[in-house]
Each structure stands twice: as structure tokens, then as C-alpha cells.
Amino acid sequence: MRSGKLKVLAVLEARRYPGCRRALDRGDASRLREAASWFGLFGPAGLPPATTARLHDELVASLKDPDVRLKLDELAMTVIANTPEQFRS
């Protein structure tokens, strides 16, 4: 994309992804708010709240790792580290 060999047709994020900003500003790409994929972490029913909190904290910490952030940026993935309550709703 950055080399110009790949043309961005659309992005899935509601907000502007920095790597595609020029294509969006020129009108060469659009945002597809209706189409999105997401990932979540699930556990068994009845998981103790303390275990849920620990898993959440560890996952959020790993998502802050610079190497992980770099890879996610390369994949044009935006991280939204919801709380377990937000994710559940």
C-alpha cells in the first residue's frame, strides 16, 4: 500500500486508519462501517470474576507490547480493549 503497488478500496473502521489517510482524503477509498470483523476472548460459563479480570489485564498488557502493536498496525487492525462488561453487552 505504501509503495503504491496496492490500491486501497475501502477500510472497515469508522474512524480513519492512519495508514490509509491519504487514500481517504483523496476520495480513493471509502469506509465500510457496515462490514467489520472482530475478535474476542471467551471463557467457560461461570468463570470466576477474579479469573476473568486477570485474563483481561494480561491480554490488555500484551496488546500494549510494542512488537504486538507494530504487527497489528502492519495488519491494519485497530485494537479496542473493552472491559469484560462492555464486551458482554
PDB file of N, CA and C in Angstrom:
ATOM      1  N   MET A   1       0.822  -1.179   0.000  1.00  0.00           N
ATOM      2  CA  MET A   1       0.000   0.000   0.000  1.00  0.00           C
ATOM      3  C   MET A   1       0.874   1.254   0.000  1.00  0.00           C
ATOM      4  N   ARG A   2       1.851   1.271   0.871  1.00  0.00           N
ATOM      5  CA  ARG A   2       2.710   2.465   0.964  1.00  0.00           C
ATOM      6  C   ARG A   2       3.581   2.635  -0.278  1.00  0.00           C
ATOM      7  N   SER A   3       3.918   1.522  -0.929  1.00  0.00           N
ATOM      8  CA  SER A   3       4.766   1.602  -2.116  1.00  0.00           C
ATOM      9  C   SER A   3       3.984   2.032  -3.354  1.00  0.00           C
ATOM     10  N   GLY A   4       2.649   2.021  -3.269  1.00  0.00           N
ATOM     11  CA  GLY A   4       1.827   2.382  -4.411  1.00  0.00           C
ATOM     12  C   GLY A   4       1.451   1.198  -5.284  1.00  0.00           C
ATOM     13  N   LYS A   5       1.898   0.002  -4.919  1.00  0.00           N
ATOM     14  CA  LYS A   5       1.574  -1.182  -5.705  1.00  0.00           C
ATOM     15  C   LYS A   5       0.195  -1.746  -5.361  1.00  0.00           C
ATOM     16  N   LEU A   6      -0.370  -1.301  -4.262  1.00  0.00           N
ATOM     17  CA  LEU A   6      -1.676  -1.774  -3.824  1.00  0.00           C
ATOM     18  C   LEU A   6      -2.588  -0.575  -3.642  1.00  0.00           C
ATOM     19  N   LYS A   7      -3.766  -0.618  -4.229  1.00  0.00           N
ATOM     20  CA  LYS A   7      -4.717   0.475  -4.105  1.00  0.00           C
ATOM     21  C   LYS A   7      -5.750   0.121  -3.038  1.00  0.00           C
ATOM     22  N   VAL A   8      -5.955   1.015  -2.102  1.00  0.00           N
ATOM     23  CA  VAL A   8      -6.934   0.826  -1.047  1.00  0.00           C
ATOM     24  C   VAL A   8      -8.308   1.169  -1.597  1.00  0.00           C
ATOM     25  N   LEU A   9      -9.216   0.223  -1.522  1.00  0.00           N
ATOM     26  CA  LEU A   9     -10.579   0.461  -1.985  1.00  0.00           C
ATOM     27  C   LEU A   9     -11.482   0.912  -0.848  1.00  0.00           C
ATOM     28  N   ALA A  10     -11.266   0.364   0.334  1.00  0.00           N
ATOM     29  CA  ALA A  10     -12.104   0.712   1.476  1.00  0.00           C
ATOM     30  C   ALA A  10     -11.413   0.276   2.755  1.00  0.00           C
ATOM     31  N   VAL A  11     -11.831   0.869   3.855  1.00  0.00           N
ATOM     32  CA  VAL A  11     -11.373   0.460   5.180  1.00  0.00           C
ATOM     33  C   VAL A  11     -12.602   0.115   6.001  1.00  0.00           C
ATOM     34  N   LEU A  12     -12.432  -0.751   6.971  1.00  0.00           N
ATOM     35  CA  LEU A  12     -13.559  -1.223   7.767  1.00  0.00           C
ATOM     36  C   LEU A  12     -13.798  -0.407   9.030  1.00  0.00           C
ATOM     37  N   GLU A  13     -12.918   0.490   9.329  1.00  0.00           N
ATOM     38  CA  GLU A  13     -13.037   1.248  10.569  1.00  0.00           C
ATOM     39  C   GLU A  13     -13.948   2.456  10.409  1.00  0.00           C
ATOM     40  N   ALA A  14     -14.654   2.804  11.477  1.00  0.00           N
ATOM     41  CA  ALA A  14     -15.484   4.011  11.459  1.00  0.00           C
ATOM     42  C   ALA A  14     -14.601   5.252  11.474  1.00  0.00           C
ATOM     43  N   ARG A  15     -13.448   5.139  12.148  1.00  0.00           N
ATOM     44  CA  ARG A  15     -12.532   6.282  12.163  1.00  0.00           C
ATOM     45  C   ARG A  15     -11.424   6.040  11.144  1.00  0.00           C
ATOM     46  N   ARG A  16     -10.688   7.066  10.832  1.00  0.00           N
ATOM     47  CA  ARG A  16      -9.651   6.959   9.811  1.00  0.00           C
ATOM     48  C   ARG A  16      -8.443   6.184  10.316  1.00  0.00           C
ATOM     49  N   TYR A  17      -8.083   5.153   9.581  1.00  0.00           N
ATOM     50  CA  TYR A  17      -6.866   4.407   9.893  1.00  0.00           C
ATOM     51  C   TYR A  17      -5.692   5.205   9.357  1.00  0.00           C
ATOM     52  N   PRO A  18      -4.696   5.529  10.203  1.00  0.00           N
ATOM     53  CA  PRO A  18      -3.590   6.403   9.759  1.00  0.00           C
ATOM     54  C   PRO A  18      -2.889   5.931   8.501  1.00  0.00           C
ATOM     55  N   GLY A  19      -2.740   4.640   8.311  1.00  0.00           N
ATOM     56  CA  GLY A  19      -2.042   4.133   7.134  1.00  0.00           C
ATOM     57  C   GLY A  19      -2.790   4.379   5.833  1.00  0.00           C
ATOM     58  N   CYS A  20      -4.083   4.660   5.907  1.00  0.00           N
ATOM     59  CA  CYS A  20      -4.904   4.871   4.709  1.00  0.00           C
ATOM     60  C   CYS A  20      -5.386   6.315   4.587  1.00  0.00           C
ATOM     61  N   ARG A  21      -4.882   7.179   5.405  1.00  0.00           N
ATOM     62  CA  ARG A  21      -5.384   8.550   5.462  1.00  0.00           C
ATOM     63  C   ARG A  21      -5.345   9.240   4.106  1.00  0.00           C
ATOM     64  N   ARG A  22      -4.242   9.107   3.363  1.00  0.00           N
ATOM     65  CA  ARG A  22      -4.143   9.787   2.060  1.00  0.00           C
ATOM     66  C   ARG A  22      -5.203   9.287   1.087  1.00  0.00           C
ATOM     67  N   ALA A  23      -5.406   7.995   1.036  1.00  0.00           N
ATOM     68  CA  ALA A  23      -6.414   7.440   0.122  1.00  0.00           C
ATOM     69  C   ALA A  23      -7.810   7.920   0.498  1.00  0.00           C
ATOM     70  N   LEU A  24      -8.080   8.012   1.792  1.00  0.00           N
ATOM     71  CA  LEU A  24      -9.389   8.500   2.232  1.00  0.00           C
ATOM     72  C   LEU A  24      -9.538   9.983   1.928  1.00  0.00           C
ATOM     73  N   ASP A  25      -8.489  10.751   2.179  1.00  0.00           N
ATOM     74  CA  ASP A  25      -8.548  12.201   1.926  1.00  0.00           C
ATOM     75  C   ASP A  25      -8.739  12.502   0.446  1.00  0.00           C
ATOM     76  N   ARG A  26      -8.139  11.699  -0.426  1.00  0.00           N
ATOM     77  CA  ARG A  26      -8.279  11.912  -1.874  1.00  0.00           C
ATOM     78  C   ARG A  26      -9.619  11.406  -2.388  1.00  0.00           C
ATOM     79  N   GLY A  27     -10.327  10.640  -1.568  1.00  0.00           N
ATOM     80  CA  GLY A  27     -11.585  10.068  -2.020  1.00  0.00           C
ATOM     81  C   GLY A  27     -11.400   8.779  -2.790  1.00  0.00           C
ATOM     82  N   ASP A  28     -10.173   8.217  -2.759  1.00  0.00           N
ATOM     83  CA  ASP A  28      -9.902   6.968  -3.465  1.00  0.00           C
ATOM     84  C   ASP A  28     -10.423   5.754  -2.701  1.00  0.00           C
ATOM     85  N   ALA A  29     -10.723   5.936  -1.426  1.00  0.00           N
ATOM     86  CA  ALA A  29     -11.188   4.829  -0.594  1.00  0.00           C
ATOM     87  C   ALA A  29     -12.365   5.303   0.238  1.00  0.00           C
ATOM     88  N   SER A  30     -13.177   4.375   0.647  1.00  0.00           N
ATOM     89  CA  SER A  30     -14.311   4.716   1.499  1.00  0.00           C
ATOM     90  C   SER A  30     -14.262   3.878   2.758  1.00  0.00           C
ATOM     91  N   ARG A  31     -15.092   4.245   3.727  1.00  0.00           N
ATOM     92  CA  ARG A  31     -15.196   3.490   4.967  1.00  0.00           C
ATOM     93  C   ARG A  31     -16.407   2.574   4.868  1.00  0.00           C
ATOM     94  N   LEU A  32     -16.212   1.338   5.219  1.00  0.00           N
ATOM     95  CA  LEU A  32     -17.308   0.375   5.207  1.00  0.00           C
ATOM     96  C   LEU A  32     -17.751   0.114   6.647  1.00  0.00           C
ATOM     97  N   ARG A  33     -18.514   1.018   7.188  1.00  0.00           N
ATOM     98  CA  ARG A  33     -18.925   0.887   8.583  1.00  0.00           C
ATOM     99  C   ARG A  33     -19.826  -0.319   8.808  1.00  0.00           C
ATOM    100  N   GLU A  34     -20.534  -0.725   7.788  1.00  0.00           N
ATOM    101  CA  GLU A  34     -21.468  -1.829   7.957  1.00  0.00           C
ATOM    102  C   GLU A  34     -20.767  -3.179   8.009  1.00  0.00           C
ATOM    103  N   ALA A  35     -19.630  -3.293   7.404  1.00  0.00           N
ATOM    104  CA  ALA A  35     -18.921  -4.570   7.350  1.00  0.00           C
ATOM    105  C   ALA A  35     -17.703  -4.511   8.253  1.00  0.00           C
ATOM    106  N   ALA A  36     -17.639  -5.415   9.196  1.00  0.00           N
ATOM    107  CA  ALA A  36     -16.498  -5.423  10.100  1.00  0.00           C
ATOM    108  C   ALA A  36     -16.302  -6.837  10.630  1.00  0.00           C
ATOM    109  N   SER A  37     -15.092  -7.125  10.993  1.00  0.00           N
ATOM    110  CA  SER A  37     -14.811  -8.375  11.679  1.00  0.00           C
ATOM    111  C   SER A  37     -14.206  -8.020  13.021  1.00  0.00           C
ATOM    112  N   TRP A  38     -14.337  -8.900  13.952  1.00  0.00           N
ATOM    113  CA  TRP A  38     -13.795  -8.631  15.271  1.00  0.00           C
ATOM    114  C   TRP A  38     -13.365  -9.936  15.922  1.00  0.00           C
ATOM    115  N   PHE A  39     -12.585  -9.784  16.966  1.00  0.00           N
ATOM    116  CA  PHE A  39     -12.086 -10.926  17.707  1.00  0.00           C
ATOM    117  C   PHE A  39     -12.374 -10.689  19.180  1.00  0.00           C
ATOM    118  N   GLY A  40     -12.669 -11.730  19.891  1.00  0.00           N
ATOM    119  CA  GLY A  40     -12.898 -11.623  21.321  1.00  0.00           C
ATOM    120  C   GLY A  40     -12.411 -12.880  22.013  1.00  0.00           C
ATOM    121  N   LEU A  41     -12.196 -12.749  23.290  1.00  0.00           N
ATOM    122  CA  LEU A  41     -11.753 -13.871  24.108  1.00  0.00           C
ATOM    123  C   LEU A  41     -12.936 -14.324  24.961  1.00  0.00           C
ATOM    124  N   PHE A  42     -13.261 -15.602  24.879  1.00  0.00           N
ATOM    125  CA  PHE A  42     -14.372 -16.164  25.636  1.00  0.00           C
ATOM    126  C   PHE A  42     -13.849 -17.225  26.596  1.00  0.00           C
ATOM    127  N   GLY A  43     -14.566 -17.377  27.694  1.00  0.00           N
ATOM    128  CA  GLY A  43     -14.232 -18.426  28.647  1.00  0.00           C
ATOM    129  C   GLY A  43     -15.480 -19.228  28.952  1.00  0.00           C
ATOM    130  N   PRO A  44     -15.333 -20.275  29.741  1.00  0.00           N
ATOM    131  CA  PRO A  44     -16.493 -21.094  30.074  1.00  0.00           C
ATOM    132  C   PRO A  44     -17.480 -20.344  30.967  1.00  0.00           C
ATOM    133  N   ALA A  45     -18.736 -20.735  30.899  1.00  0.00           N
ATOM    134  CA  ALA A  45     -19.747 -20.137  31.770  1.00  0.00           C
ATOM    135  C   ALA A  45     -19.341 -20.356  33.218  1.00  0.00           C
ATOM    136  N   GLY A  46     -19.593 -19.350  34.033  1.00  0.00           N
ATOM    137  CA  GLY A  46     -19.290 -19.473  35.454  1.00  0.00           C
ATOM    138  C   GLY A  46     -17.836 -19.210  35.807  1.00  0.00           C
ATOM    139  N   LEU A  47     -17.061 -18.671  34.886  1.00  0.00           N
ATOM    140  CA  LEU A  47     -15.665 -18.354  35.167  1.00  0.00           C
ATOM    141  C   LEU A  47     -15.620 -17.351  36.323  1.00  0.00           C
ATOM    142  N   PRO A  48     -14.818 -17.606  37.334  1.00  0.00           N
ATOM    143  CA  PRO A  48     -14.779 -16.680  38.473  1.00  0.00           C
ATOM    144  C   PRO A  48     -14.383 -15.264  38.022  1.00  0.00           C
ATOM    145  N   PRO A  49     -15.035 -14.242  38.583  1.00  0.00           N
ATOM    146  CA  PRO A  49     -14.719 -12.862  38.209  1.00  0.00           C
ATOM    147  C   PRO A  49     -13.237 -12.517  38.335  1.00  0.00           C
ATOM    148  N   ALA A  50     -12.571 -13.057  39.335  1.00  0.00           N
ATOM    149  CA  ALA A  50     -11.142 -12.775  39.505  1.00  0.00           C
ATOM    150  C   ALA A  50     -10.331 -13.339  38.335  1.00  0.00           C
ATOM    151  N   THR A  51     -10.726 -14.499  37.834  1.00  0.00           N
ATOM    152  CA  THR A  51     -10.044 -15.097  36.691  1.00  0.00           C
ATOM    153  C   THR A  51     -10.305 -14.277  35.435  1.00  0.00           C
ATOM    154  N   THR A  52     -11.549 -13.855  35.255  1.00  0.00           N
ATOM    155  CA  THR A  52     -11.891 -13.002  34.119  1.00  0.00           C
ATOM    156  C   THR A  52     -11.074 -11.717  34.153  1.00  0.00           C
ATOM    157  N   ALA A  53     -10.984 -11.095  35.317  1.00  0.00           N
ATOM    158  CA  ALA A  53     -10.224  -9.848  35.462  1.00  0.00           C
ATOM    159  C   ALA A  53      -8.752 -10.075  35.156  1.00  0.00           C
ATOM    160  N   ARG A  54      -8.187 -11.165  35.630  1.00  0.00           N
ATOM    161  CA  ARG A  54      -6.766 -11.458  35.381  1.00  0.00           C
ATOM    162  C   ARG A  54      -6.512 -11.688  33.896  1.00  0.00           C
ATOM    163  N   LEU A  55      -7.373 -12.469  33.251  1.00  0.00           N
ATOM    164  CA  LEU A  55      -7.218 -12.703  31.816  1.00  0.00           C
ATOM    165  C   LEU A  55      -7.315 -11.392  31.040  1.00  0.00           C
ATOM    166  N   HIS A  56      -8.261 -10.557  31.402  1.00  0.00           N
ATOM    167  CA  HIS A  56      -8.425  -9.257  30.744  1.00  0.00           C
ATOM    168  C   HIS A  56      -7.172  -8.413  30.916  1.00  0.00           C
ATOM    169  N   ASP A  57      -6.690  -8.310  32.141  1.00  0.00           N
ATOM    170  CA  ASP A  57      -5.496  -7.494  32.417  1.00  0.00           C
ATOM    171  C   ASP A  57      -4.281  -7.988  31.650  1.00  0.00           C
ATOM    172  N   GLU A  58      -4.098  -9.303  31.590  1.00  0.00           N
ATOM    173  CA  GLU A  58      -2.954  -9.867  30.869  1.00  0.00           C
ATOM    174  C   GLU A  58      -3.080  -9.641  29.365  1.00  0.00           C
ATOM    175  N   LEU A  59      -4.280  -9.789  28.844  1.00  0.00           N
ATOM    176  CA  LEU A  59      -4.492  -9.559  27.415  1.00  0.00           C
ATOM    177  C   LEU A  59      -4.241  -8.099  27.054  1.00  0.00           C
ATOM    178  N   VAL A  60      -4.767  -7.177  27.848  1.00  0.00           N
ATOM    179  CA  VAL A  60      -4.548  -5.751  27.583  1.00  0.00           C
ATOM    180  C   VAL A  60      -3.065  -5.421  27.662  1.00  0.00           C
ATOM    181  N   ALA A  61      -2.376  -5.992  28.632  1.00  0.00           N
ATOM    182  CA  ALA A  61      -0.932  -5.754  28.749  1.00  0.00           C
ATOM    183  C   ALA A  61      -0.204  -6.257  27.505  1.00  0.00           C
ATOM    184  N   SER A  62      -0.596  -7.415  27.000  1.00  0.00           N
ATOM    185  CA  SER A  62       0.081  -7.936  25.802  1.00  0.00           C
ATOM    186  C   SER A  62      -0.211  -7.063  24.584  1.00  0.00           C
ATOM    187  N   LEU A  63      -1.411  -6.490  24.508  1.00  0.00           N
ATOM    188  CA  LEU A  63      -1.753  -5.625  23.377  1.00  0.00           C
ATOM    189  C   LEU A  63      -0.993  -4.295  23.405  1.00  0.00           C
ATOM    190  N   LYS A  64      -0.426  -3.964  24.546  1.00  0.00           N
ATOM    191  CA  LYS A  64       0.373  -2.740  24.664  1.00  0.00           C
ATOM    192  C   LYS A  64       1.848  -2.969  24.329  1.00  0.00           C
ATOM    193  N   ASP A  65       2.233  -4.236  24.163  1.00  0.00           N
ATOM    194  CA  ASP A  65       3.617  -4.561  23.823  1.00  0.00           C
ATOM    195  C   ASP A  65       3.959  -3.937  22.471  1.00  0.00           C
ATOM    196  N   PRO A  66       5.089  -3.226  22.379  1.00  0.00           N
ATOM    197  CA  PRO A  66       5.445  -2.556  21.118  1.00  0.00           C
ATOM    198  C   PRO A  66       5.514  -3.490  19.914  1.00  0.00           C
ATOM    199  N   ASP A  67       6.018  -4.706  20.084  1.00  0.00           N
ATOM    200  CA  ASP A  67       6.096  -5.645  18.963  1.00  0.00           C
ATOM    201  C   ASP A  67       4.702  -6.081  18.513  1.00  0.00           C
ATOM    202  N   VAL A  68       3.820  -6.296  19.469  1.00  0.00           N
ATOM    203  CA  VAL A  68       2.444  -6.681  19.132  1.00  0.00           C
ATOM    204  C   VAL A  68       1.753  -5.520  18.433  1.00  0.00           C
ATOM    205  N   ARG A  69       1.917  -4.305  18.956  1.00  0.00           N
ATOM    206  CA  ARG A  69       1.303  -3.122  18.340  1.00  0.00           C
ATOM    207  C   ARG A  69       1.796  -2.940  16.901  1.00  0.00           C
ATOM    208  N   LEU A  70       3.076  -3.126  16.693  1.00  0.00           N
ATOM    209  CA  LEU A  70       3.644  -2.980  15.353  1.00  0.00           C
ATOM    210  C   LEU A  70       3.011  -3.981  14.388  1.00  0.00           C
ATOM    211  N   LYS A  71       2.901  -5.225  14.818  1.00  0.00           N
ATOM    212  CA  LYS A  71       2.309  -6.245  13.952  1.00  0.00           C
ATOM    213  C   LYS A  71       0.847  -5.944  13.663  1.00  0.00           C
ATOM    214  N   LEU A  72       0.099  -5.518  14.674  1.00  0.00           N
ATOM    215  CA  LEU A  72      -1.308  -5.182  14.468  1.00  0.00           C
ATOM    216  C   LEU A  72      -1.445  -3.988  13.532  1.00  0.00           C
ATOM    217  N   ASP A  73      -0.552  -3.018  13.666  1.00  0.00           N
ATOM    218  CA  ASP A  73      -0.561  -1.869  12.745  1.00  0.00           C
ATOM    219  C   ASP A  73      -0.272  -2.317  11.320  1.00  0.00           C
ATOM    220  N   GLU A  74       0.683  -3.230  11.154  1.00  0.00           N
ATOM    221  CA  GLU A  74       1.007  -3.749   9.818  1.00  0.00           C
ATOM    222  C   GLU A  74      -0.193  -4.443   9.188  1.00  0.00           C
ATOM    223  N   LEU A  75      -1.018  -5.053  10.029  1.00  0.00           N
ATOM    224  CA  LEU A  75      -2.212  -5.755   9.555  1.00  0.00           C
ATOM    225  C   LEU A  75      -3.432  -4.835   9.472  1.00  0.00           C
ATOM    226  N   ALA A  76      -3.219  -3.556   9.739  1.00  0.00           N
ATOM    227  CA  ALA A  76      -4.289  -2.552   9.724  1.00  0.00           C
ATOM    228  C   ALA A  76      -5.412  -2.911  10.691  1.00  0.00           C
ATOM    229  N   MET A  77      -5.034  -3.434  11.847  1.00  0.00           N
ATOM    230  CA  MET A  77      -6.020  -3.808  12.853  1.00  0.00           C
ATOM    231  C   MET A  77      -6.054  -2.755  13.955  1.00  0.00           C
ATOM    232  N   THR A  78      -7.236  -2.342  14.315  1.00  0.00           N
ATOM    233  CA  THR A  78      -7.425  -1.389  15.396  1.00  0.00           C
ATOM    234  C   THR A  78      -7.835  -2.155  16.639  1.00  0.00           C
ATOM    235  N   VAL A  79      -7.160  -1.876  17.748  1.00  0.00           N
ATOM    236  CA  VAL A  79      -7.442  -2.570  18.998  1.00  0.00           C
ATOM    237  C   VAL A  79      -8.410  -1.743  19.829  1.00  0.00           C
ATOM    238  N   ILE A  80      -9.471  -2.391  20.259  1.00  0.00           N
ATOM    239  CA  ILE A  80     -10.406  -1.791  21.213  1.00  0.00           C
ATOM    240  C   ILE A  80     -10.446  -2.750  22.385  1.00  0.00           C
ATOM    241  N   ALA A  81      -9.754  -2.410  23.438  1.00  0.00           N
ATOM    242  CA  ALA A  81      -9.650  -3.303  24.593  1.00  0.00           C
ATOM    243  C   ALA A  81     -10.791  -2.993  25.563  1.00  0.00           C
ATOM    244  N   ASN A  82     -11.988  -3.469  25.228  1.00  0.00           N
ATOM    245  CA  ASN A  82     -13.149  -3.277  26.088  1.00  0.00           C
ATOM    246  C   ASN A  82     -12.965  -3.978  27.417  1.00  0.00           C
ATOM    247  N   THR A  83     -13.723  -3.513  28.391  1.00  0.00           N
ATOM    248  CA  THR A  83     -13.795  -4.247  29.650  1.00  0.00           C
ATOM    249  C   THR A  83     -14.658  -5.486  29.412  1.00  0.00           C
ATOM    250  N   PRO A  84     -14.572  -6.476  30.285  1.00  0.00           N
ATOM    251  CA  PRO A  84     -15.447  -7.639  30.127  1.00  0.00           C
ATOM    252  C   PRO A  84     -16.936  -7.250  30.091  1.00  0.00           C
ATOM    253  N   GLU A  85     -17.313  -6.257  30.876  1.00  0.00           N
ATOM    254  CA  GLU A  85     -18.708  -5.820  30.890  1.00  0.00           C
ATOM    255  C   GLU A  85     -19.111  -5.204  29.563  1.00  0.00           C
ATOM    256  N   GLN A  86     -18.251  -4.366  28.983  1.00  0.00           N
ATOM    257  CA  GLN A  86     -18.542  -3.762  27.695  1.00  0.00           C
ATOM    258  C   GLN A  86     -18.644  -4.826  26.602  1.00  0.00           C
ATOM    259  N   PHE A  87     -17.745  -5.775  26.630  1.00  0.00           N
ATOM    260  CA  PHE A  87     -17.744  -6.835  25.626  1.00  0.00           C
ATOM    261  C   PHE A  87     -19.013  -7.674  25.749  1.00  0.00           C
ATOM    262  N   ARG A  88     -19.396  -7.988  26.980  1.00  0.00           N
ATOM    263  CA  ARG A  88     -20.585  -8.798  27.221  1.00  0.00           C
ATOM    264  C   ARG A  88     -21.828  -8.129  26.664  1.00  0.00           C
ATOM    265  N   SER A  89     -21.920  -6.808  26.815  1.00  0.00           N
ATOM    266  CA  SER A  89     -23.119  -6.103  26.343  1.00  0.00           C
ATOM    267  C   SER A  89     -23.091  -5.979  24.830  1.00  0.00           C
TER     268      SER A  89
END
